Amino acid sequence: MYNAPAPFITAMIGPSSRLYARLDLLDWNETLISRIESEIISGSVSVDKERDVRRQFNVEIDNSSGNYTWSIGGSIWIDKRIKFHIGLWTPTGITYVPLGVFLIEEMVATSKPDGTRVTTISGGDKWKLLDGQNLGCFLDTTVIKAKNDAGVATPVADAIKLIASAAGIPADQCVFESCSTVVPYDLNYTSGEARGKAIRELADLAVYDCYFDVDGKLRFKPKAADITQVAPCWVYDKSDATLYAGSEKVLDTSGLYNRVLVIGGSAQTATVSALASIDDPNSPISTTKGVRLFRYNGGSPNPLIITTQDAQNRADYELQQHSCIVEKHRFSCWQNYLHEAGDVIRIQDDWIGTDDVFELVRFNIDLSTSGLMTGEAQRIRKVV
């Protein structure tokens, strides 16, 4: 969650507030060129932890002056970046907080017979430099080595910084928390593969999250192993002071299984296999009430699984991972401009039997004082 000044928070949760928006137009090196403020008509920012490009924005600008018509190499062009701010009136004046740094992807200039001229700009955060869609591809076959020529292990964090640097993200834009994980084996990537794919795979090895924050910094931080051990950054309940405006409590069983099949061997030939199963008739997900079969590796033999014990260990592990349900809360609230996807929040709503902590997965902010912010928070629950 963004650490905003206390007057901003007071204004945000107050009964009324004056809303302001500001776009900082930046060059490719993120040096300020100009600011757009009073011409902003409307806009939105969406954040989704499950998207590679976590943040996306859309904004409409009054183009009566003609200054915001896009042109090749002009002031509104794909070589520019935008830093999006939201502001509230406080006793000391307007206080702004950032909502993200974005690459410009789409620009539309429109005119109408009545003389109305509007420019619409949209784009995604700086992961666009890594996602392999036009930008962010490896140019040659690349090997992330487990050890250097001197035999020293390669830290995962150093490997990620090296990949990011090659995509134009300098070290001073990387905010990395301490990580002792090293690259366990050589990782090979071909020309045309996304650099972001490599970064994701390295971060997953360390069980870390990697994303661009509201200031456009590349963050590398541990994933919460157990959100119940994390203090919530915000509590939403039916009290007006918490901004909460209701939610839907949804059960998602799409990833729930009670039996796992694991096969080992070569790509063509199965040599070993194992099953793990919840057969206890007293279990709420017992196979006696229907088999929900998960086929590890799509049911194909995994060449890394050589012995029956290897297969059984993997089957037992996968059963632990898949004997779970996802509890989702799709909620609405008055605009909270400080959240980050991945925040741990508490929802208290006795009308739907909820008083627990959840991980905020996605949300959408609208540039409106009357509109609601929508979001989805999730909690994985073990079914025993």
Protein backbone atom coordinates (compact mmCIF):
# COMPACT_ATOMS: atom_id res chain seq x y z
CA MET A 1 0.00 0.00 0.00
CA TYR A 2 1.27 3.45 -0.87
CA ASN A 3 2.41 5.48 2.13
CA ALA A 4 0.41 8.67 1.62
CA PRO A 5 0.49 11.74 3.89
CA ALA A 6 -2.09 11.73 6.67
CA PRO A 7 -4.02 14.76 5.26
CA PHE A 8 -4.55 12.86 2.00
CA ILE A 9 -5.97 9.84 3.84
CA THR A 10 -8.23 12.10 5.91
CA ALA A 11 -9.56 13.72 2.74
CA MET A 12 -9.98 10.34 1.01
CA ILE A 13 -12.16 8.83 3.76
CA GLY A 14 -13.98 12.08 4.48
CA PRO A 15 -17.60 12.76 3.50
CA SER A 16 -16.59 14.84 0.49
CA SER A 17 -13.43 15.88 -1.30
CA ARG A 18 -12.34 17.77 -4.38
CA LEU A 19 -10.66 15.47 -6.88
CA TYR A 20 -7.80 16.41 -9.18
CA ALA A 21 -5.86 14.48 -11.80
CA ARG A 22 -2.47 15.16 -13.32
CA LEU A 23 -0.51 13.56 -16.13
CA ASP A 24 3.23 14.12 -16.20
CA LEU A 25 4.42 13.74 -19.79
CA LEU A 26 7.92 12.22 -19.67
CA ASP A 27 10.54 11.48 -22.27
CA TRP A 28 11.98 7.96 -22.73
CA ASN A 29 14.44 8.64 -19.88
CA GLU A 30 11.55 9.80 -17.67
CA THR A 31 12.56 13.44 -17.60
CA LEU A 32 9.55 15.73 -17.19
CA ILE A 33 8.49 17.48 -20.43
CA SER A 34 5.14 18.99 -19.47
CA ARG A 35 2.03 18.48 -17.36
CA ILE A 36 -1.59 17.99 -18.32
CA GLU A 37 -4.12 18.92 -15.63
CA SER A 38 -7.21 21.02 -16.33
CA GLU A 39 -7.75 19.42 -19.77
CA ILE A 40 -8.34 15.93 -18.32
CA ILE A 41 -11.98 14.90 -18.87
CA SER A 42 -12.09 11.34 -17.55
CA GLY A 43 -9.94 8.29 -17.06
CA SER A 44 -9.31 5.07 -15.22
CA VAL A 45 -6.51 2.88 -13.94
CA SER A 46 -6.86 -0.89 -13.57
CA VAL A 47 -4.44 -3.08 -11.64
CA ASP A 48 -4.39 -6.87 -11.83
CA LYS A 49 -1.83 -9.06 -10.05
CA GLU A 50 -2.47 -11.92 -12.49
CA ARG A 51 -1.57 -9.87 -15.59
CA ASP A 52 2.02 -9.55 -16.72
CA VAL A 53 1.39 -5.88 -17.46
CA ARG A 54 -0.10 -5.26 -14.04
CA ARG A 55 -1.22 -1.64 -14.51
CA GLN A 56 -3.18 -0.24 -17.44
CA PHE A 57 -4.61 3.23 -17.94
CA ASN A 58 -7.01 5.13 -20.15
CA VAL A 59 -7.58 8.88 -20.19
CA GLU A 60 -9.63 11.37 -22.23
CA ILE A 61 -8.23 14.86 -22.73
CA ASP A 62 -9.91 18.03 -24.02
CA ASN A 63 -8.01 18.75 -27.22
CA SER A 64 -9.63 22.09 -28.06
CA SER A 65 -6.17 23.65 -28.22
CA GLY A 66 -4.96 21.02 -30.67
CA ASN A 67 -1.88 20.47 -28.50
CA TYR A 68 -2.71 16.83 -27.79
CA THR A 69 -3.23 15.50 -31.29
CA TRP A 70 -0.77 12.67 -31.73
CA SER A 71 1.83 12.96 -34.46
CA ILE A 72 4.85 10.92 -35.49
CA GLY A 73 7.71 12.03 -33.27
CA GLY A 74 5.51 14.73 -31.70
CA SER A 75 4.70 15.54 -28.07
CA ILE A 76 2.09 12.75 -27.97
CA TRP A 77 3.91 9.74 -29.37
CA ILE A 78 5.01 6.24 -28.43
CA ASP A 79 8.47 7.42 -27.31
CA LYS A 80 6.87 9.26 -24.37
CA ARG A 81 5.81 7.96 -20.99
CA ILE A 82 3.08 9.15 -18.67
CA LYS A 83 3.11 9.31 -14.89
CA PHE A 84 -0.48 9.35 -13.66
CA HIS A 85 -1.32 11.20 -10.42
CA ILE A 86 -4.52 11.61 -8.45
CA GLY A 87 -4.94 14.55 -6.09
CA LEU A 88 -7.26 15.57 -3.27
CA TRP A 89 -7.78 18.94 -1.66
CA THR A 90 -6.29 19.05 1.84
CA PRO A 91 -5.81 21.89 4.36
CA THR A 92 -2.35 22.52 2.89
CA GLY A 93 -3.53 22.51 -0.72
CA ILE A 94 -3.68 19.77 -3.35
CA THR A 95 -1.85 16.59 -2.33
CA TYR A 96 -1.06 14.14 -5.12
CA VAL A 97 -0.25 10.43 -5.05
CA PRO A 98 1.05 8.43 -8.05
CA LEU A 99 -0.96 5.69 -9.76
CA GLY A 100 1.76 4.42 -12.11
CA VAL A 101 4.24 5.13 -14.90
CA PHE A 102 2.97 4.00 -18.29
CA LEU A 103 4.10 3.53 -21.86
CA ILE A 104 1.77 5.04 -24.45
CA GLU A 105 0.28 2.32 -26.65
CA GLU A 106 -2.84 3.73 -28.28
CA MET A 107 -3.67 7.32 -29.23
CA VAL A 108 -6.97 8.45 -30.75
CA ALA A 109 -7.79 12.05 -31.69
CA THR A 110 -11.46 12.72 -32.51
CA SER A 111 -13.48 15.69 -33.69
CA LYS A 112 -17.23 16.31 -33.91
CA PRO A 113 -19.37 18.71 -35.94
CA ASP A 114 -20.04 20.85 -32.86
CA GLY A 115 -16.32 21.53 -32.54
CA THR A 116 -15.64 19.08 -29.74
CA ARG A 117 -12.13 17.69 -29.94
CA VAL A 118 -10.96 14.90 -27.64
CA THR A 119 -7.78 12.84 -27.45
CA THR A 120 -7.84 9.41 -25.84
CA ILE A 121 -4.58 7.86 -24.65
CA SER A 122 -4.14 4.38 -23.21
CA GLY A 123 -1.27 2.10 -22.33
CA GLY A 124 0.37 -0.25 -19.87
CA ASP A 125 3.04 -0.04 -17.22
CA LYS A 126 6.74 -0.57 -17.85
CA TRP A 127 6.38 -4.34 -18.02
CA LYS A 128 5.60 -3.52 -21.67
CA LEU A 129 9.40 -3.23 -21.96
CA LEU A 130 9.60 -6.92 -21.06
CA ASP A 131 6.46 -8.64 -22.33
CA GLY A 132 7.69 -9.56 -25.80
CA GLN A 133 4.86 -7.74 -27.59
CA ASN A 134 6.90 -5.54 -29.96
CA LEU A 135 9.28 -4.73 -27.10
CA GLY A 136 11.05 -6.92 -24.59
CA CYS A 137 12.26 -9.92 -26.61
CA PHE A 138 15.63 -11.60 -26.36
CA LEU A 139 17.48 -10.69 -29.54
CA ASP A 140 19.72 -13.77 -29.50
CA THR A 141 19.83 -17.16 -27.83
CA THR A 142 20.53 -16.36 -24.18
CA VAL A 143 21.71 -18.59 -21.35
CA ILE A 144 21.23 -17.59 -17.72
CA LYS A 145 24.06 -19.58 -16.19
CA ALA A 146 23.83 -21.20 -12.77
CA LYS A 147 27.53 -20.42 -12.22
CA ASN A 148 29.96 -18.01 -13.78
CA ASP A 149 33.30 -19.00 -15.31
CA ALA A 150 34.90 -18.90 -11.86
CA GLY A 151 32.35 -21.39 -10.53
CA VAL A 152 30.50 -18.83 -8.39
CA ALA A 153 26.72 -19.30 -8.15
CA THR A 154 24.57 -16.65 -9.83
CA PRO A 155 22.11 -14.91 -7.47
CA VAL A 156 18.58 -14.81 -8.87
CA ALA A 157 18.36 -11.09 -8.10
CA ASP A 158 21.51 -10.35 -10.13
CA ALA A 159 20.19 -12.36 -13.08
CA ILE A 160 16.93 -10.40 -13.05
CA LYS A 161 18.75 -7.06 -12.90
CA LEU A 162 20.90 -8.08 -15.86
CA ILE A 163 17.85 -9.00 -17.96
CA ALA A 164 16.07 -5.78 -16.95
CA SER A 165 19.12 -3.68 -17.78
CA ALA A 166 19.22 -5.09 -21.31
CA ALA A 167 15.60 -3.93 -21.71
CA GLY A 168 16.46 -0.37 -20.69
CA ILE A 169 15.65 -0.57 -16.98
CA PRO A 170 18.68 0.77 -15.08
CA ALA A 171 19.80 -0.47 -11.67
CA ASP A 172 18.67 2.74 -9.95
CA GLN A 173 15.09 1.88 -10.95
CA CYS A 174 15.30 -1.54 -9.26
CA VAL A 175 14.12 -1.84 -5.65
CA PHE A 176 15.06 -5.34 -4.58
CA GLU A 177 14.64 -6.89 -1.15
CA SER A 178 17.32 -9.27 0.11
CA CYS A 179 17.22 -12.71 -1.52
CA SER A 180 19.65 -15.61 -1.01
CA THR A 181 18.30 -17.84 -3.80
CA VAL A 182 20.71 -18.69 -6.61
CA VAL A 183 20.00 -19.90 -10.14
CA PRO A 184 19.82 -23.71 -9.69
CA TYR A 185 20.64 -24.70 -13.28
CA ASP A 186 21.29 -23.09 -16.65
CA LEU A 187 18.18 -21.50 -18.16
CA ASN A 188 18.02 -21.23 -21.95
CA TYR A 189 15.96 -18.72 -23.91
CA THR A 190 15.71 -18.37 -27.66
CA SER A 191 15.57 -15.27 -29.81
CA GLY A 192 12.04 -13.86 -29.71
CA GLU A 193 11.14 -15.13 -26.24
CA ALA A 194 10.01 -12.47 -23.78
CA ARG A 195 12.52 -11.16 -21.26
CA GLY A 196 9.62 -10.92 -18.84
CA LYS A 197 9.10 -14.68 -19.07
CA ALA A 198 12.66 -15.23 -17.87
CA ILE A 199 12.21 -12.75 -15.03
CA ARG A 200 8.97 -14.44 -13.95
CA GLU A 201 10.63 -17.86 -13.95
CA LEU A 202 13.56 -16.59 -11.90
CA ALA A 203 11.26 -14.84 -9.43
CA ASP A 204 9.17 -18.00 -9.06
CA LEU A 205 12.31 -19.98 -8.21
CA ALA A 206 12.84 -17.62 -5.27
CA VAL A 207 9.09 -17.44 -4.45
CA TYR A 208 9.28 -13.68 -4.97
CA ASP A 209 7.00 -11.22 -6.73
CA CYS A 210 8.38 -8.91 -9.41
CA TYR A 211 6.42 -5.93 -10.77
CA PHE A 212 6.51 -2.19 -11.43
CA ASP A 213 5.17 0.00 -8.63
CA VAL A 214 3.31 3.31 -8.82
CA ASP A 215 6.60 5.21 -9.22
CA GLY A 216 7.73 3.01 -12.11
CA LYS A 217 10.31 1.15 -10.02
CA LEU A 218 10.90 -2.56 -10.58
CA ARG A 219 10.09 -4.24 -7.26
CA PHE A 220 11.38 -7.64 -6.17
CA LYS A 221 9.95 -8.83 -2.87
CA PRO A 222 9.00 -12.12 -1.17
CA LYS A 223 5.52 -13.49 -1.67
CA ALA A 224 3.54 -13.88 1.53
CA ALA A 225 3.64 -17.56 2.46
CA ASP A 226 0.62 -17.21 4.74
CA ILE A 227 -1.52 -14.09 4.53
CA THR A 228 -3.03 -14.87 7.95
CA GLN A 229 0.36 -13.89 9.38
CA VAL A 230 0.32 -10.50 7.64
CA ALA A 231 -1.28 -7.48 9.29
CA PRO A 232 -3.97 -6.07 6.96
CA CYS A 233 -3.17 -2.66 5.50
CA TRP A 234 -6.87 -1.70 5.41
CA VAL A 235 -10.06 -2.97 7.02
CA TYR A 236 -13.30 -2.83 5.06
CA ASP A 237 -16.54 -3.21 7.01
CA LYS A 238 -20.00 -1.74 6.98
CA SER A 239 -18.84 1.35 8.82
CA ASP A 240 -18.85 4.43 6.58
CA ALA A 241 -15.31 5.36 7.67
CA THR A 242 -13.79 2.32 5.95
CA LEU A 243 -15.13 3.18 2.45
CA TYR A 244 -16.78 -0.27 2.09
CA ALA A 245 -19.88 -0.51 -0.13
CA GLY A 246 -20.62 -4.25 -0.21
CA SER A 247 -19.36 -7.38 -1.92
CA GLU A 248 -20.21 -10.72 -3.49
CA LYS A 249 -18.83 -13.84 -1.83
CA VAL A 250 -17.98 -16.35 -4.57
CA LEU A 251 -16.84 -19.97 -4.37
CA ASP A 252 -14.35 -21.02 -7.08
CA THR A 253 -13.81 -24.78 -7.33
CA SER A 254 -12.09 -24.77 -10.74
CA GLY A 255 -8.77 -25.79 -9.17
CA LEU A 256 -10.18 -28.31 -6.69
CA TYR A 257 -9.18 -31.97 -7.12
CA ASN A 258 -9.34 -35.04 -4.89
CA ARG A 259 -7.10 -37.36 -6.91
CA VAL A 260 -3.76 -36.76 -8.62
CA LEU A 261 -2.04 -38.89 -11.25
CA VAL A 262 1.69 -38.47 -11.87
CA ILE A 263 3.57 -40.26 -14.65
CA GLY A 264 7.34 -40.37 -15.10
CA GLY A 265 9.57 -41.50 -17.93
CA SER A 266 10.59 -40.28 -21.35
CA ALA A 267 8.43 -38.05 -23.50
CA GLN A 268 7.09 -41.10 -25.34
CA THR A 269 7.17 -43.87 -22.74
CA ALA A 270 5.75 -44.03 -19.22
CA THR A 271 7.99 -45.99 -16.85
CA VAL A 272 6.64 -45.08 -13.40
CA SER A 273 3.39 -43.68 -12.03
CA ALA A 274 1.70 -42.86 -8.75
CA LEU A 275 -1.68 -41.81 -7.41
CA ALA A 276 -2.59 -39.67 -4.43
CA SER A 277 -6.22 -39.61 -3.43
CA ILE A 278 -8.61 -38.40 -0.74
CA ASP A 279 -10.73 -41.50 -0.17
CA ASP A 280 -11.90 -40.86 3.39
CA PRO A 281 -15.72 -40.90 3.18
CA ASN A 282 -15.85 -38.31 5.98
CA SER A 283 -13.96 -35.74 3.90
CA PRO A 284 -16.15 -33.07 2.26
CA ILE A 285 -14.26 -33.70 -1.00
CA SER A 286 -13.96 -37.49 -0.78
CA THR A 287 -13.64 -39.50 -3.99
CA THR A 288 -16.62 -41.50 -2.73
CA LYS A 289 -18.67 -38.43 -3.72
CA GLY A 290 -17.12 -38.17 -7.16
CA VAL A 291 -13.58 -38.26 -8.54
CA ARG A 292 -11.99 -34.93 -9.52
CA LEU A 293 -8.81 -36.10 -11.26
CA PHE A 294 -5.79 -33.85 -11.82
CA ARG A 295 -3.30 -35.15 -14.38
CA TYR A 296 0.12 -33.74 -13.58
CA ASN A 297 2.03 -32.46 -16.63
CA GLY A 298 -1.16 -32.82 -18.65
CA GLY A 299 -1.03 -36.59 -18.19
CA SER A 300 2.24 -36.88 -20.12
CA PRO A 301 5.37 -38.55 -18.70
CA ASN A 302 7.74 -36.14 -16.97
CA PRO A 303 11.38 -37.04 -17.72
CA LEU A 304 12.52 -35.53 -14.40
CA ILE A 305 10.47 -38.15 -12.51
CA ILE A 306 12.52 -41.32 -12.60
CA THR A 307 11.49 -43.52 -9.67
CA THR A 308 8.14 -44.56 -8.24
CA GLN A 309 9.04 -42.66 -5.07
CA ASP A 310 9.66 -39.51 -7.14
CA ALA A 311 6.21 -39.93 -8.65
CA GLN A 312 4.57 -40.52 -5.27
CA ASN A 313 6.26 -37.51 -3.69
CA ARG A 314 5.06 -35.29 -6.53
CA ALA A 315 1.53 -36.74 -6.37
CA ASP A 316 1.32 -36.13 -2.61
CA TYR A 317 2.56 -32.57 -3.06
CA GLU A 318 0.14 -31.79 -5.89
CA LEU A 319 -2.78 -33.19 -3.91
CA GLN A 320 -1.92 -30.82 -1.07
CA GLN A 321 -1.88 -27.92 -3.53
CA HIS A 322 -5.13 -28.84 -5.25
CA SER A 323 -7.33 -29.91 -2.33
CA CYS A 324 -8.23 -26.25 -1.89
CA ILE A 325 -10.97 -23.85 -2.86
CA VAL A 326 -10.64 -20.18 -3.70
CA GLU A 327 -12.95 -17.83 -1.83
CA LYS A 328 -13.39 -14.64 -3.84
CA HIS A 329 -14.88 -11.36 -2.72
CA ARG A 330 -15.84 -9.01 -5.53
CA PHE A 331 -16.35 -5.80 -3.65
CA SER A 332 -17.14 -2.15 -4.18
CA CYS A 333 -15.91 0.78 -2.13
CA TRP A 334 -15.44 4.50 -2.34
CA GLN A 335 -12.21 5.21 -4.15
CA ASN A 336 -9.09 4.09 -2.28
CA TYR A 337 -6.15 5.43 -4.28
CA LEU A 338 -3.44 3.83 -2.13
CA HIS A 339 -3.78 0.12 -2.81
CA GLU A 340 -1.30 -2.17 -4.54
CA ALA A 341 -2.29 -5.53 -5.98
CA GLY A 342 -1.11 -8.10 -3.45
CA ASP A 343 -2.12 -6.00 -0.44
CA VAL A 344 -3.57 -7.96 2.46
CA ILE A 345 -6.93 -6.50 3.51
CA ARG A 346 -9.59 -7.51 6.01
CA ILE A 347 -13.26 -7.67 5.02
CA GLN A 348 -15.87 -7.65 7.78
CA ASP A 349 -19.40 -8.20 6.54
CA ASP A 350 -21.66 -10.29 8.76
CA TRP A 351 -24.41 -10.12 6.13
CA ILE A 352 -22.41 -12.63 4.07
CA GLY A 353 -20.64 -14.35 6.96
CA THR A 354 -17.22 -12.81 6.35
CA ASP A 355 -14.64 -11.61 8.86
CA ASP A 356 -11.21 -12.54 7.56
CA VAL A 357 -8.09 -11.42 5.71
CA PHE A 358 -7.76 -11.68 1.93
CA GLU A 359 -5.23 -10.85 -0.76
CA LEU A 360 -6.26 -8.00 -3.05
CA VAL A 361 -5.83 -9.42 -6.56
CA ARG A 362 -7.28 -6.75 -8.84
CA PHE A 363 -9.06 -3.40 -8.71
CA ASN A 364 -10.19 -0.54 -10.94
CA ILE A 365 -10.01 3.17 -10.10
CA ASP A 366 -12.20 5.67 -11.92
CA LEU A 367 -11.54 9.41 -12.11
CA SER A 368 -14.83 10.33 -10.54
CA THR A 369 -15.84 11.62 -7.13
CA SER A 370 -19.17 9.82 -7.37
CA GLY A 371 -18.06 6.48 -8.83
CA LEU A 372 -17.07 3.41 -6.86
CA MET A 373 -13.83 1.49 -6.98
CA THR A 374 -14.34 -2.18 -7.76
CA GLY A 375 -11.97 -4.95 -6.75
CA GLU A 376 -11.51 -8.63 -6.10
CA ALA A 377 -9.86 -10.15 -3.05
CA GLN A 378 -9.12 -13.85 -2.67
CA ARG A 379 -8.33 -16.38 0.01
CA ILE A 380 -7.23 -19.97 -0.64
CA ARG A 381 -8.86 -22.30 1.84
CA LYS A 382 -7.73 -25.84 2.50
CA VAL A 383 -10.52 -28.43 2.35
CA VAL A 384 -9.90 -31.28 4.77
